[in-house]
Amino acid sequence: LVEVKVPPLSALEQAGEGAFATRCASCHGDNAAGRDGSGPPLVHVIYEPNHHGDAAFFLAARNGVRQHHWSFGDMPPVEGIDDAEIERIVAYVRRLQQANGIF
């Protein structure tokens, strides 16, 4: 849904990229660009850190989220995910956001 530039990634961010591909990309698209009819882009100003802090990603992954910004429906909890994996995913998404002008 959006075009995402992928910058060089640290080891932590690369681990997050892999976790994102496994856990999140089926709905949120490759490189968090969104997937039409499935899930919103996370590389979007709506998810910038001052609006959706890192804790929001942890809560969403653990508990799911009611639809509120987009019309993709509710997000279910991510089964079997742990805090360390969420932390890696957040690092990756934040790096993508930063590289694409979202601070």
N, C-alpha and C. Protein backbone atom coordinates (compact mmCIF):
# COMPACT_ATOMS: atom_id res chain seq x y z
N LEU A 1 0.81 -1.20 0.00
CA LEU A 1 0.00 0.00 0.00
C LEU A 1 0.85 1.26 0.00
N VAL A 2 2.07 1.15 0.55
CA VAL A 2 3.01 2.27 0.48
C VAL A 2 4.33 1.75 -0.06
N GLU A 3 5.13 2.66 -0.58
CA GLU A 3 6.45 2.29 -1.06
C GLU A 3 7.43 2.45 0.09
N VAL A 4 8.24 1.44 0.37
CA VAL A 4 9.15 1.46 1.50
C VAL A 4 10.59 1.29 1.02
N LYS A 5 11.44 2.24 1.42
CA LYS A 5 12.88 2.11 1.19
C LYS A 5 13.44 1.31 2.36
N VAL A 6 14.22 0.29 2.07
CA VAL A 6 14.83 -0.53 3.12
C VAL A 6 16.28 -0.10 3.26
N PRO A 7 16.64 0.43 4.45
CA PRO A 7 18.01 0.88 4.68
C PRO A 7 18.89 -0.29 5.12
N PRO A 8 20.18 -0.06 5.27
CA PRO A 8 21.03 -1.08 5.91
C PRO A 8 20.50 -1.33 7.33
N LEU A 9 20.53 -2.58 7.75
CA LEU A 9 19.97 -2.97 9.04
C LEU A 9 21.05 -3.50 9.97
N SER A 10 20.91 -3.17 11.26
CA SER A 10 21.79 -3.74 12.28
C SER A 10 21.43 -5.21 12.47
N ALA A 11 22.22 -5.91 13.25
CA ALA A 11 21.93 -7.33 13.53
C ALA A 11 20.57 -7.48 14.20
N LEU A 12 20.26 -6.61 15.16
CA LEU A 12 18.96 -6.67 15.84
C LEU A 12 17.83 -6.44 14.84
N GLU A 13 18.00 -5.44 13.98
CA GLU A 13 16.97 -5.13 12.99
C GLU A 13 16.83 -6.25 11.96
N GLN A 14 17.91 -6.91 11.59
CA GLN A 14 17.84 -8.05 10.69
C GLN A 14 17.07 -9.20 11.33
N ALA A 15 17.30 -9.41 12.61
CA ALA A 15 16.52 -10.44 13.33
C ALA A 15 15.05 -10.05 13.34
N GLY A 16 14.76 -8.77 13.52
CA GLY A 16 13.39 -8.29 13.47
C GLY A 16 12.77 -8.45 12.10
N GLU A 17 13.57 -8.26 11.06
CA GLU A 17 13.08 -8.44 9.69
C GLU A 17 12.62 -9.89 9.49
N GLY A 18 13.42 -10.83 9.97
CA GLY A 18 13.05 -12.24 9.85
C GLY A 18 11.80 -12.57 10.64
N ALA A 19 11.72 -12.05 11.86
CA ALA A 19 10.54 -12.28 12.70
C ALA A 19 9.31 -11.64 12.07
N PHE A 20 9.48 -10.45 11.53
CA PHE A 20 8.37 -9.76 10.87
C PHE A 20 7.87 -10.59 9.69
N ALA A 21 8.80 -11.09 8.89
CA ALA A 21 8.42 -11.90 7.73
C ALA A 21 7.61 -13.12 8.14
N THR A 22 7.99 -13.74 9.26
CA THR A 22 7.30 -14.93 9.75
C THR A 22 5.97 -14.61 10.42
N ARG A 23 5.96 -13.57 11.23
CA ARG A 23 4.81 -13.29 12.11
C ARG A 23 3.83 -12.24 11.59
N CYS A 24 4.31 -11.30 10.78
CA CYS A 24 3.51 -10.11 10.48
C CYS A 24 3.22 -9.86 9.00
N ALA A 25 4.14 -10.27 8.13
CA ALA A 25 4.06 -9.89 6.72
C ALA A 25 2.82 -10.43 6.01
N SER A 26 2.28 -11.54 6.48
CA SER A 26 1.10 -12.09 5.79
C SER A 26 -0.06 -11.09 5.83
N CYS A 27 -0.12 -10.25 6.82
CA CYS A 27 -1.16 -9.21 6.89
C CYS A 27 -0.61 -7.82 6.60
N HIS A 28 0.56 -7.49 7.17
CA HIS A 28 1.09 -6.13 7.05
C HIS A 28 2.03 -5.95 5.87
N GLY A 29 2.21 -6.97 5.05
CA GLY A 29 2.97 -6.86 3.82
C GLY A 29 4.47 -6.93 4.02
N ASP A 30 5.17 -7.17 2.94
CA ASP A 30 6.63 -7.17 2.96
C ASP A 30 7.12 -5.80 3.37
N ASN A 31 8.13 -5.77 4.23
CA ASN A 31 8.72 -4.52 4.72
C ASN A 31 7.69 -3.57 5.33
N ALA A 32 6.63 -4.12 5.90
CA ALA A 32 5.60 -3.34 6.60
C ALA A 32 4.90 -2.33 5.70
N ALA A 33 4.84 -2.63 4.41
CA ALA A 33 4.24 -1.72 3.43
C ALA A 33 2.72 -1.86 3.34
N GLY A 34 2.14 -2.79 4.10
CA GLY A 34 0.70 -3.03 4.04
C GLY A 34 0.37 -4.07 2.99
N ARG A 35 -0.80 -4.64 3.14
CA ARG A 35 -1.27 -5.63 2.16
C ARG A 35 -2.74 -5.32 1.90
N ASP A 36 -3.04 -5.01 0.65
CA ASP A 36 -4.41 -4.63 0.27
C ASP A 36 -5.39 -5.71 0.69
N GLY A 37 -6.42 -5.30 1.41
CA GLY A 37 -7.46 -6.21 1.85
C GLY A 37 -7.10 -7.02 3.07
N SER A 38 -5.90 -6.81 3.61
CA SER A 38 -5.43 -7.66 4.71
C SER A 38 -4.96 -6.88 5.93
N GLY A 39 -4.09 -5.90 5.74
CA GLY A 39 -3.57 -5.17 6.89
C GLY A 39 -2.90 -3.87 6.48
N PRO A 40 -2.88 -2.90 7.39
CA PRO A 40 -2.33 -1.59 7.08
C PRO A 40 -0.81 -1.57 7.04
N PRO A 41 -0.27 -0.55 6.37
CA PRO A 41 1.17 -0.35 6.40
C PRO A 41 1.58 0.17 7.78
N LEU A 42 2.67 -0.34 8.30
CA LEU A 42 3.20 0.16 9.56
C LEU A 42 4.23 1.26 9.31
N VAL A 43 4.68 1.37 8.08
CA VAL A 43 5.53 2.49 7.68
C VAL A 43 4.58 3.57 7.19
N HIS A 44 4.00 4.24 8.17
CA HIS A 44 2.96 5.24 7.93
C HIS A 44 2.96 6.19 9.12
N VAL A 45 2.66 7.45 8.86
CA VAL A 45 2.69 8.46 9.92
C VAL A 45 1.76 8.10 11.09
N ILE A 46 0.70 7.35 10.85
CA ILE A 46 -0.20 6.94 11.94
C ILE A 46 0.56 6.18 13.02
N TYR A 47 1.59 5.43 12.63
CA TYR A 47 2.32 4.59 13.59
C TYR A 47 3.62 5.23 14.07
N GLU A 48 3.78 6.55 13.83
CA GLU A 48 5.00 7.20 14.30
C GLU A 48 5.06 7.13 15.82
N PRO A 49 6.26 7.16 16.37
CA PRO A 49 6.45 6.90 17.80
C PRO A 49 5.65 7.81 18.74
N ASN A 50 5.38 9.03 18.36
CA ASN A 50 4.62 9.92 19.25
C ASN A 50 3.12 9.63 19.23
N HIS A 51 2.66 8.87 18.28
CA HIS A 51 1.24 8.51 18.23
C HIS A 51 1.01 7.08 18.70
N HIS A 52 1.81 6.17 18.24
CA HIS A 52 1.78 4.77 18.68
C HIS A 52 3.19 4.42 19.18
N GLY A 53 3.38 4.53 20.47
CA GLY A 53 4.66 4.19 21.07
C GLY A 53 4.94 2.70 20.95
N ASP A 54 6.15 2.32 21.31
CA ASP A 54 6.54 0.92 21.22
C ASP A 54 5.60 0.01 22.00
N ALA A 55 5.10 0.49 23.14
CA ALA A 55 4.19 -0.32 23.96
C ALA A 55 2.94 -0.71 23.18
N ALA A 56 2.51 0.12 22.25
CA ALA A 56 1.31 -0.19 21.45
C ALA A 56 1.56 -1.44 20.59
N PHE A 57 2.78 -1.60 20.08
CA PHE A 57 3.11 -2.79 19.28
C PHE A 57 3.11 -4.04 20.16
N PHE A 58 3.64 -3.91 21.38
CA PHE A 58 3.64 -5.05 22.31
C PHE A 58 2.20 -5.45 22.64
N LEU A 59 1.37 -4.47 22.95
CA LEU A 59 -0.03 -4.77 23.29
C LEU A 59 -0.77 -5.37 22.10
N ALA A 60 -0.54 -4.83 20.91
CA ALA A 60 -1.22 -5.34 19.72
C ALA A 60 -0.84 -6.79 19.45
N ALA A 61 0.45 -7.10 19.53
CA ALA A 61 0.90 -8.47 19.26
C ALA A 61 0.35 -9.43 20.31
N ARG A 62 0.37 -9.02 21.57
CA ARG A 62 -0.08 -9.91 22.65
C ARG A 62 -1.60 -10.07 22.70
N ASN A 63 -2.32 -8.96 22.52
CA ASN A 63 -3.76 -8.94 22.79
C ASN A 63 -4.65 -8.73 21.57
N GLY A 64 -4.05 -8.39 20.45
CA GLY A 64 -4.86 -8.02 19.30
C GLY A 64 -5.29 -6.56 19.42
N VAL A 65 -5.95 -6.06 18.39
CA VAL A 65 -6.37 -4.66 18.35
C VAL A 65 -7.72 -4.56 17.66
N ARG A 66 -8.58 -3.73 18.22
CA ARG A 66 -9.83 -3.41 17.53
C ARG A 66 -9.54 -2.45 16.39
N GLN A 67 -10.24 -2.63 15.29
CA GLN A 67 -10.10 -1.74 14.14
C GLN A 67 -10.38 -0.31 14.60
N HIS A 68 -9.48 0.63 14.25
CA HIS A 68 -9.77 2.01 14.60
C HIS A 68 -9.21 3.03 13.61
N HIS A 69 -8.12 2.79 12.94
CA HIS A 69 -7.59 3.75 11.97
C HIS A 69 -7.90 3.35 10.53
N TRP A 70 -8.06 2.09 10.30
CA TRP A 70 -8.20 1.55 8.96
C TRP A 70 -9.44 0.64 8.91
N SER A 71 -9.81 0.24 7.72
CA SER A 71 -10.98 -0.64 7.58
C SER A 71 -10.57 -2.07 7.20
N PHE A 72 -9.57 -2.59 7.89
CA PHE A 72 -9.12 -3.96 7.63
C PHE A 72 -9.73 -4.97 8.59
N GLY A 73 -10.49 -4.49 9.56
CA GLY A 73 -11.03 -5.38 10.59
C GLY A 73 -10.10 -5.45 11.78
N ASP A 74 -10.52 -6.18 12.79
CA ASP A 74 -9.73 -6.33 14.00
C ASP A 74 -8.48 -7.17 13.74
N MET A 75 -7.42 -6.86 14.48
CA MET A 75 -6.20 -7.67 14.42
C MET A 75 -6.25 -8.68 15.56
N PRO A 76 -6.11 -9.95 15.25
CA PRO A 76 -6.08 -10.95 16.33
C PRO A 76 -4.72 -10.94 17.03
N PRO A 77 -4.64 -11.49 18.23
CA PRO A 77 -3.33 -11.64 18.88
C PRO A 77 -2.44 -12.54 18.03
N VAL A 78 -1.14 -12.36 18.15
CA VAL A 78 -0.17 -13.20 17.45
C VAL A 78 0.15 -14.37 18.37
N GLU A 79 -0.27 -15.54 17.98
CA GLU A 79 -0.10 -16.74 18.80
C GLU A 79 1.36 -17.08 19.01
N GLY A 80 1.74 -17.33 20.25
CA GLY A 80 3.06 -17.84 20.57
C GLY A 80 4.19 -16.83 20.51
N ILE A 81 3.89 -15.56 20.29
CA ILE A 81 4.96 -14.56 20.22
C ILE A 81 5.40 -14.18 21.63
N ASP A 82 6.69 -13.87 21.78
CA ASP A 82 7.17 -13.46 23.10
C ASP A 82 7.76 -12.05 23.02
N ASP A 83 8.04 -11.47 24.18
CA ASP A 83 8.50 -10.08 24.24
C ASP A 83 9.80 -9.86 23.48
N ALA A 84 10.72 -10.81 23.53
CA ALA A 84 11.99 -10.65 22.82
C ALA A 84 11.77 -10.57 21.31
N GLU A 85 10.86 -11.37 20.81
CA GLU A 85 10.55 -11.35 19.37
C GLU A 85 9.86 -10.03 19.00
N ILE A 86 8.94 -9.58 19.84
CA ILE A 86 8.27 -8.30 19.59
C ILE A 86 9.29 -7.17 19.58
N GLU A 87 10.23 -7.21 20.52
CA GLU A 87 11.26 -6.18 20.59
C GLU A 87 12.06 -6.11 19.29
N ARG A 88 12.41 -7.25 18.74
CA ARG A 88 13.15 -7.28 17.47
C ARG A 88 12.30 -6.71 16.33
N ILE A 89 11.04 -7.08 16.31
CA ILE A 89 10.13 -6.58 15.27
C ILE A 89 9.98 -5.07 15.37
N VAL A 90 9.81 -4.57 16.57
CA VAL A 90 9.67 -3.12 16.78
C VAL A 90 10.94 -2.41 16.30
N ALA A 91 12.11 -2.93 16.62
CA ALA A 91 13.36 -2.31 16.17
C ALA A 91 13.40 -2.23 14.65
N TYR A 92 12.98 -3.28 13.99
CA TYR A 92 12.95 -3.32 12.52
C TYR A 92 11.95 -2.31 11.96
N VAL A 93 10.74 -2.30 12.50
CA VAL A 93 9.72 -1.37 12.00
C VAL A 93 10.14 0.07 12.24
N ARG A 94 10.69 0.36 13.40
CA ARG A 94 11.13 1.73 13.69
C ARG A 94 12.26 2.15 12.75
N ARG A 95 13.16 1.25 12.41
CA ARG A 95 14.24 1.58 11.46
C ARG A 95 13.66 1.87 10.08
N LEU A 96 12.70 1.06 9.66
CA LEU A 96 12.04 1.33 8.36
C LEU A 96 11.34 2.68 8.39
N GLN A 97 10.65 2.97 9.48
CA GLN A 97 9.96 4.25 9.59
C GLN A 97 10.95 5.41 9.47
N GLN A 98 12.02 5.31 10.24
CA GLN A 98 13.03 6.37 10.25
C GLN A 98 13.61 6.58 8.84
N ALA A 99 13.92 5.50 8.17
CA ALA A 99 14.49 5.59 6.82
C ALA A 99 13.52 6.17 5.81
N ASN A 100 12.24 6.14 6.16
CA ASN A 100 11.21 6.64 5.25
C ASN A 100 10.58 7.93 5.75
N GLY A 101 11.31 8.64 6.63
CA GLY A 101 10.90 9.98 7.05
C GLY A 101 9.86 10.03 8.15
N ILE A 102 9.65 8.93 8.86
CA ILE A 102 8.67 8.90 9.94
C ILE A 102 9.44 8.82 11.26
N PHE A 103 9.34 9.86 12.04
CA PHE A 103 10.07 9.92 13.30
C PHE A 103 9.07 9.95 14.41
